[in-house]
C-alpha atoms as a PDB file:
ATOM      1  CA  UNK A   1      76.931 111.792  86.139  1.00  0.00           C
ATOM      2  CA  UNK A   2      75.866 114.499  89.315  1.00  0.00           C
ATOM      3  CA  UNK A   3      75.722 117.525  88.132  1.00  0.00           C
ATOM      4  CA  UNK A   4      75.149 120.355  90.680  1.00  0.00           C
ATOM      5  CA  UNK A   5      75.746 124.557  91.212  1.00  0.00           C
ATOM      6  CA  UNK A   6      78.600 126.045  92.452  1.00  0.00           C
ATOM      7  CA  UNK A   7      79.201 129.854  93.496  1.00  0.00           C
ATOM      8  CA  UNK A   8      82.204 131.919  92.104  1.00  0.00           C
ATOM      9  CA  UNK A   9      82.577 135.310  92.648  1.00  0.00           C
ATOM     10  CA  UNK A  10      82.899 137.812  89.596  1.00  0.00           C
ATOM     11  CA  UNK A  11      85.399 140.708  89.596  1.00  0.00           C
ATOM     12  CA  UNK A  12      82.620 142.905  90.992  1.00  0.00           C
ATOM     13  CA  UNK A  13      82.214 141.074  93.773  1.00  0.00           C
ATOM     14  CA  UNK A  14      78.751 139.522  92.850  1.00  0.00           C
ATOM     15  CA  UNK A  15      77.754 135.679  93.173  1.00  0.00           C
ATOM     16  CA  UNK A  16      77.468 133.735  90.274  1.00  0.00           C
ATOM     17  CA  UNK A  17      76.995 129.979  89.448  1.00  0.00           C
ATOM     18  CA  UNK A  18      78.374 127.498  87.492  1.00  0.00           C
ATOM     19  CA  UNK A  19      77.911 124.060  86.427  1.00  0.00           C
ATOM     20  CA  UNK A  20      79.431 121.614  88.790  1.00  0.00           C
ATOM     21  CA  UNK A  21      80.246 118.227  87.793  1.00  0.00           C
ATOM     22  CA  UNK A  22      80.408 115.312  90.297  1.00  0.00           C
ATOM     23  CA  UNK A  23      82.709 111.924  89.227  1.00  0.00           C
ATOM     24  CA  UNK A  24      83.308 112.761  85.810  1.00  0.00           C
ATOM     25  CA  UNK A  25      85.219 110.325  84.499  1.00  0.00           C
ATOM     26  CA  UNK A  26      87.859 111.200  81.817  1.00  0.00           C
ATOM     27  CA  UNK A  27      89.780 107.977  81.377  1.00  0.00           C
ATOM     28  CA  UNK A  28      93.470 107.922  81.806  1.00  0.00           C
ATOM     29  CA  UNK A  29      95.635 111.155  81.660  1.00  0.00           C
ATOM     30  CA  UNK A  30      98.757 110.027  80.053  1.00  0.00           C
ATOM     31  CA  UNK A  31     100.328 111.032  83.464  1.00  0.00           C
ATOM     32  CA  UNK A  32     103.068 108.698  85.523  1.00  0.00           C
ATOM     33  CA  UNK A  33     104.782 108.804  88.339  1.00  0.00           C
ATOM     34  CA  UNK A  34     108.182 107.469  88.174  1.00  0.00           C
ATOM     35  CA  UNK A  35     110.206 105.716  91.119  1.00  0.00           C
ATOM     36  CA  UNK A  36     112.372 108.809  91.450  1.00  0.00           C
ATOM     37  CA  UNK A  37     109.035 111.184  92.335  1.00  0.00           C
ATOM     38  CA  UNK A  38     109.659 112.838  88.671  1.00  0.00           C
ATOM     39  CA  UNK A  39     106.160 112.942  86.375  1.00  0.00           C
ATOM     40  CA  UNK A  40     105.490 112.538  82.884  1.00  0.00           C
ATOM     41  CA  UNK A  41     103.230 113.334  80.338  1.00  0.00           C
ATOM     42  CA  UNK A  42     102.845 110.477  77.848  1.00  0.00           C
ATOM     43  CA  UNK A  43     106.637 109.769  78.563  1.00  0.00           C
ATOM     44  CA  UNK A  44     108.158 113.142  78.170  1.00  0.00           C
ATOM     45  CA  UNK A  45     109.062 114.454  81.558  1.00  0.00           C
ATOM     46  CA  UNK A  46     107.189 117.641  82.765  1.00  0.00           C
ATOM     47  CA  UNK A  47     109.585 119.815  83.389  1.00  0.00           C
ATOM     48  CA  UNK A  48     107.817 122.929  84.990  1.00  0.00           C
ATOM     49  CA  UNK A  49     107.832 122.293  88.690  1.00  0.00           C
ATOM     50  CA  UNK A  50     104.746 124.301  89.288  1.00  0.00           C
ATOM     51  CA  UNK A  51     102.507 122.461  87.413  1.00  0.00           C
ATOM     52  CA  UNK A  52     103.557 119.185  89.018  1.00  0.00           C
ATOM     53  CA  UNK A  53     102.892 120.870  92.975  1.00  0.00           C
ATOM     54  CA  UNK A  54      99.999 121.903  91.282  1.00  0.00           C
ATOM     55  CA  UNK A  55      98.452 118.685  90.208  1.00  0.00           C
ATOM     56  CA  UNK A  56      99.850 116.891  93.195  1.00  0.00           C
ATOM     57  CA  UNK A  57      97.572 118.906  95.749  1.00  0.00           C
ATOM     58  CA  UNK A  58      94.669 117.045  93.637  1.00  0.00           C
ATOM     59  CA  UNK A  59      96.116 113.869  93.787  1.00  0.00           C
ATOM     60  CA  UNK A  60      94.238 111.298  95.543  1.00  0.00           C
ATOM     61  CA  UNK A  61      94.542 107.466  96.125  1.00  0.00           C
ATOM     62  CA  UNK A  62      91.330 104.867  96.427  1.00  0.00           C
ATOM     63  CA  UNK A  63      90.991 101.225  95.895  1.00  0.00           C
ATOM     64  CA  UNK A  64      94.505 100.622  94.240  1.00  0.00           C
ATOM     65  CA  UNK A  65      94.447 103.467  91.527  1.00  0.00           C
ATOM     66  CA  UNK A  66      95.949 106.864  91.653  1.00  0.00           C
ATOM     67  CA  UNK A  67      94.219 109.742  89.902  1.00  0.00           C
ATOM     68  CA  UNK A  68      93.806 113.590  89.428  1.00  0.00           C
ATOM     69  CA  UNK A  69      90.108 114.775  90.744  1.00  0.00           C
ATOM     70  CA  UNK A  70      89.006 118.421  90.278  1.00  0.00           C
ATOM     71  CA  UNK A  71      85.753 119.763  90.874  1.00  0.00           C
ATOM     72  CA  UNK A  72      84.850 119.184  87.135  1.00  0.00           C
ATOM     73  CA  UNK A  73      87.685 116.627  85.844  1.00  0.00           C
ATOM     74  CA  UNK A  74      88.724 112.906  87.186  1.00  0.00           C
ATOM     75  CA  UNK A  75      91.310 110.855  85.851  1.00  0.00           C
ATOM     76  CA  UNK A  76      93.607 107.800  86.527  1.00  0.00           C
ATOM     77  CA  UNK A  77      97.087 108.390  86.456  1.00  0.00           C
ATOM     78  CA  UNK A  78     100.349 105.582  86.749  1.00  0.00           C
ATOM     79  CA  UNK A  79     102.786 105.762  89.631  1.00  0.00           C
ATOM     80  CA  UNK A  80     105.517 103.385  89.977  1.00  0.00           C
ATOM     81  CA  UNK A  81     106.174 103.175  93.966  1.00  0.00           C
ATOM     82  CA  UNK A  82     104.659 106.124  95.442  1.00  0.00           C
ATOM     83  CA  UNK A  83     103.868 109.330  94.204  1.00  0.00           C
ATOM     84  CA  UNK A  84     106.456 111.700  96.562  1.00  0.00           C
ATOM     85  CA  UNK A  85     109.802 110.933  97.592  1.00  0.00           C
ATOM     86  CA  UNK A  86     111.228 111.996 101.071  1.00  0.00           C
ATOM     87  CA  UNK A  87     114.303 113.970 100.228  1.00  0.00           C
ATOM     88  CA  UNK A  88     115.234 115.146 103.275  1.00  0.00           C
ATOM     89  CA  UNK A  89     114.940 115.101 106.925  1.00  0.00           C
ATOM     90  CA  UNK A  90     115.370 117.678 110.005  1.00  0.00           C
ATOM     91  CA  UNK A  91     115.045 116.448 113.957  1.00  0.00           C
ATOM     92  CA  UNK A  92     114.150 118.604 116.189  1.00  0.00           C
ATOM     93  CA  UNK A  93     113.869 118.247 120.493  1.00  0.00           C
ATOM     94  CA  UNK A  94     111.479 120.153 121.519  1.00  0.00           C
ATOM     95  CA  UNK A  95     111.523 119.122 125.664  1.00  0.00           C
ATOM     96  CA  UNK A  96     113.086 116.507 125.433  1.00  0.00           C
ATOM     97  CA  UNK A  97     110.674 114.947 122.818  1.00  0.00           C
ATOM     98  CA  UNK A  98     112.193 114.222 119.546  1.00  0.00           C
ATOM     99  CA  UNK A  99     110.204 114.897 116.278  1.00  0.00           C
ATOM    100  CA  UNK A 100     111.311 113.994 112.510  1.00  0.00           C
ATOM    101  CA  UNK A 101     110.446 115.869 110.034  1.00  0.00           C
ATOM    102  CA  UNK A 102     110.033 114.790 106.212  1.00  0.00           C
ATOM    103  CA  UNK A 103     110.110 117.460 103.507  1.00  0.00           C
ATOM    104  CA  UNK A 104     109.426 115.918  99.668  1.00  0.00           C
ATOM    105  CA  UNK A 105     110.776 116.772  96.376  1.00  0.00           C
ATOM    106  CA  UNK A 106     107.556 118.884  96.217  1.00  0.00           C
ATOM    107  CA  UNK A 107     108.041 120.899  98.876  1.00  0.00           C
ATOM    108  CA  UNK A 108     105.552 119.218 101.536  1.00  0.00           C
ATOM    109  CA  UNK A 109     106.594 119.088 105.126  1.00  0.00           C
ATOM    110  CA  UNK A 110     105.306 115.804 107.103  1.00  0.00           C
ATOM    111  CA  UNK A 111     105.553 116.120 110.627  1.00  0.00           C
ATOM    112  CA  UNK A 112     105.906 112.118 111.750  1.00  0.00           C
ATOM    113  CA  UNK A 113     103.396 111.123 114.683  1.00  0.00           C
ATOM    114  CA  UNK A 114     100.927 108.715 114.324  1.00  0.00           C
ATOM    115  CA  UNK A 115      98.515 110.407 111.409  1.00  0.00           C
ATOM    116  CA  UNK A 116     101.592 110.292 109.452  1.00  0.00           C
ATOM    117  CA  UNK A 117     103.456 107.265 110.512  1.00  0.00           C
ATOM    118  CA  UNK A 118     106.536 106.154 108.892  1.00  0.00           C
ATOM    119  CA  UNK A 119     106.610 102.446 108.049  1.00  0.00           C
ATOM    120  CA  UNK A 120     108.398  99.337 105.985  1.00  0.00           C
ATOM    121  CA  UNK A 121     106.415  98.689 103.194  1.00  0.00           C
ATOM    122  CA  UNK A 122     106.992  95.413 100.491  1.00  0.00           C
ATOM    123  CA  UNK A 123     107.386  96.171  97.105  1.00  0.00           C
ATOM    124  CA  UNK A 124     106.194  93.290  95.279  1.00  0.00           C
ATOM    125  CA  UNK A 125     108.291  94.594  92.152  1.00  0.00           C
ATOM    126  CA  UNK A 126     111.762  94.757  93.588  1.00  0.00           C
ATOM    127  CA  UNK A 127     110.418  91.483  96.648  1.00  0.00           C
ATOM    128  CA  UNK A 128     112.097  93.655  99.296  1.00  0.00           C
ATOM    129  CA  UNK A 129     111.004  96.380 101.937  1.00  0.00           C
ATOM    130  CA  UNK A 130     111.462 100.299 101.884  1.00  0.00           C
ATOM    131  CA  UNK A 131     110.986 103.173 103.990  1.00  0.00           C
ATOM    132  CA  UNK A 132     107.656 105.198 103.292  1.00  0.00           C
ATOM    133  CA  UNK A 133     106.149 107.758 104.895  1.00  0.00           C
ATOM    134  CA  UNK A 134     102.589 108.811 105.055  1.00  0.00           C
ATOM    135  CA  UNK A 135     102.348 112.684 103.373  1.00  0.00           C
ATOM    136  CA  UNK A 136      98.604 113.005 103.640  1.00  0.00           C
ATOM    137  CA  UNK A 137      95.706 110.814 103.575  1.00  0.00           C
ATOM    138  CA  UNK A 138      96.741 107.524 102.164  1.00  0.00           C
ATOM    139  CA  UNK A 139      99.479 109.254 100.004  1.00  0.00           C
ATOM    140  CA  UNK A 140     103.119 107.966 100.540  1.00  0.00           C
ATOM    141  CA  UNK A 141     106.492 109.117 100.401  1.00  0.00           C
ATOM    142  CA  UNK A 142     109.505 107.018  99.605  1.00  0.00           C
ATOM    143  CA  UNK A 143     112.104 107.801 102.235  1.00  0.00           C
ATOM    144  CA  UNK A 144     115.303 108.033  99.384  1.00  0.00           C
ATOM    145  CA  UNK A 145     118.203 105.904 100.548  1.00  0.00           C
ATOM    146  CA  UNK A 146     120.478 108.999 101.768  1.00  0.00           C
ATOM    147  CA  UNK A 147     117.868 110.154 104.148  1.00  0.00           C
ATOM    148  CA  UNK A 148     117.080 106.316 105.144  1.00  0.00           C
ATOM    149  CA  UNK A 149     120.588 106.201 106.441  1.00  0.00           C
ATOM    150  CA  UNK A 150     120.192 109.227 108.434  1.00  0.00           C
ATOM    151  CA  UNK A 151     116.829 107.346 110.158  1.00  0.00           C
ATOM    152  CA  UNK A 152     118.935 104.546 110.442  1.00  0.00           C
ATOM    153  CA  UNK A 153     121.164 106.453 112.638  1.00  0.00           C
ATOM    154  CA  UNK A 154     118.861 107.629 114.827  1.00  0.00           C
ATOM    155  CA  UNK A 155     117.518 103.723 115.285  1.00  0.00           C
ATOM    156  CA  UNK A 156     117.299 102.419 118.894  1.00  0.00           C
ATOM    157  CA  UNK A 157     116.365  99.386 120.235  1.00  0.00           C
ATOM    158  CA  UNK A 158     112.346  98.778 121.163  1.00  0.00           C
ATOM    159  CA  UNK A 159     111.893  99.100 125.039  1.00  0.00           C
ATOM    160  CA  UNK A 160     109.820  96.314 125.441  1.00  0.00           C
ATOM    161  CA  UNK A 161     111.958  94.162 122.246  1.00  0.00           C
ATOM    162  CA  UNK A 162     115.508  94.434 122.286  1.00  0.00           C
ATOM    163  CA  UNK A 163     116.345  92.580 118.754  1.00  0.00           C
ATOM    164  CA  UNK A 164     113.507  95.500 117.478  1.00  0.00           C
ATOM    165  CA  UNK A 165     115.164  98.723 116.055  1.00  0.00           C
ATOM    166  CA  UNK A 166     113.232 101.829 115.227  1.00  0.00           C
ATOM    167  CA  UNK A 167     112.861 105.852 115.508  1.00  0.00           C
ATOM    168  CA  UNK A 168     110.579 108.293 117.906  1.00  0.00           C
ATOM    169  CA  UNK A 169     108.993 110.452 116.809  1.00  0.00           C
ATOM    170  CA  UNK A 170     106.178 112.992 118.758  1.00  0.00           C
ATOM    171  CA  UNK A 171     106.165 110.097 121.334  1.00  0.00           C
ATOM    172  CA  UNK A 172     105.404 107.387 119.068  1.00  0.00           C
ATOM    173  CA  UNK A 173     107.932 104.646 118.240  1.00  0.00           C
ATOM    174  CA  UNK A 174     108.360 103.402 114.736  1.00  0.00           C
ATOM    175  CA  UNK A 175     109.437 100.545 113.446  1.00  0.00           C
ATOM    176  CA  UNK A 176     112.445 100.329 111.172  1.00  0.00           C
ATOM    177  CA  UNK A 177     113.122  96.315 111.486  1.00  0.00           C
ATOM    178  CA  UNK A 178     114.768  93.195 113.751  1.00  0.00           C
ATOM    179  CA  UNK A 179     118.213  92.013 113.762  1.00  0.00           C
ATOM    180  CA  UNK A 180     118.056  88.382 114.727  1.00  0.00           C
END
């Protein structure tokens, strides 16, 4: 365990130092994010959305493992599919350019672009493809069915391949699927 010092300010504006522990592993936290985006703690629902939103700000994904990480502790959590769900979509057209904006179950706003792409990912458990959008870094949101249908209504042919359908956002084409 690495130990360093971090600075904090007291109520009188003076700097004080306190120990900062890096990579302190706390094992499994007993938290699980279900496919519908709801969070549980030891199989009991976490009902306070403020707590869930707070936890989501320290959520990380690395080497196939989801975990919550603060400056003082790091613990593994389980995620059934994706840690977020995209529950709403808005279409903006600015200067003739279509921009897709998704909103998650926790209030995140995602502008679809090269950094935050839409993609079809294969779900091993369901043996089928499902639509996702990257929320931040490598954390994804499952696009719920009703929002996916809205997205499909915007689908057009890819200019170079008439059998490939997708959507445009921020001058980038995002593939949804082929029709053969």
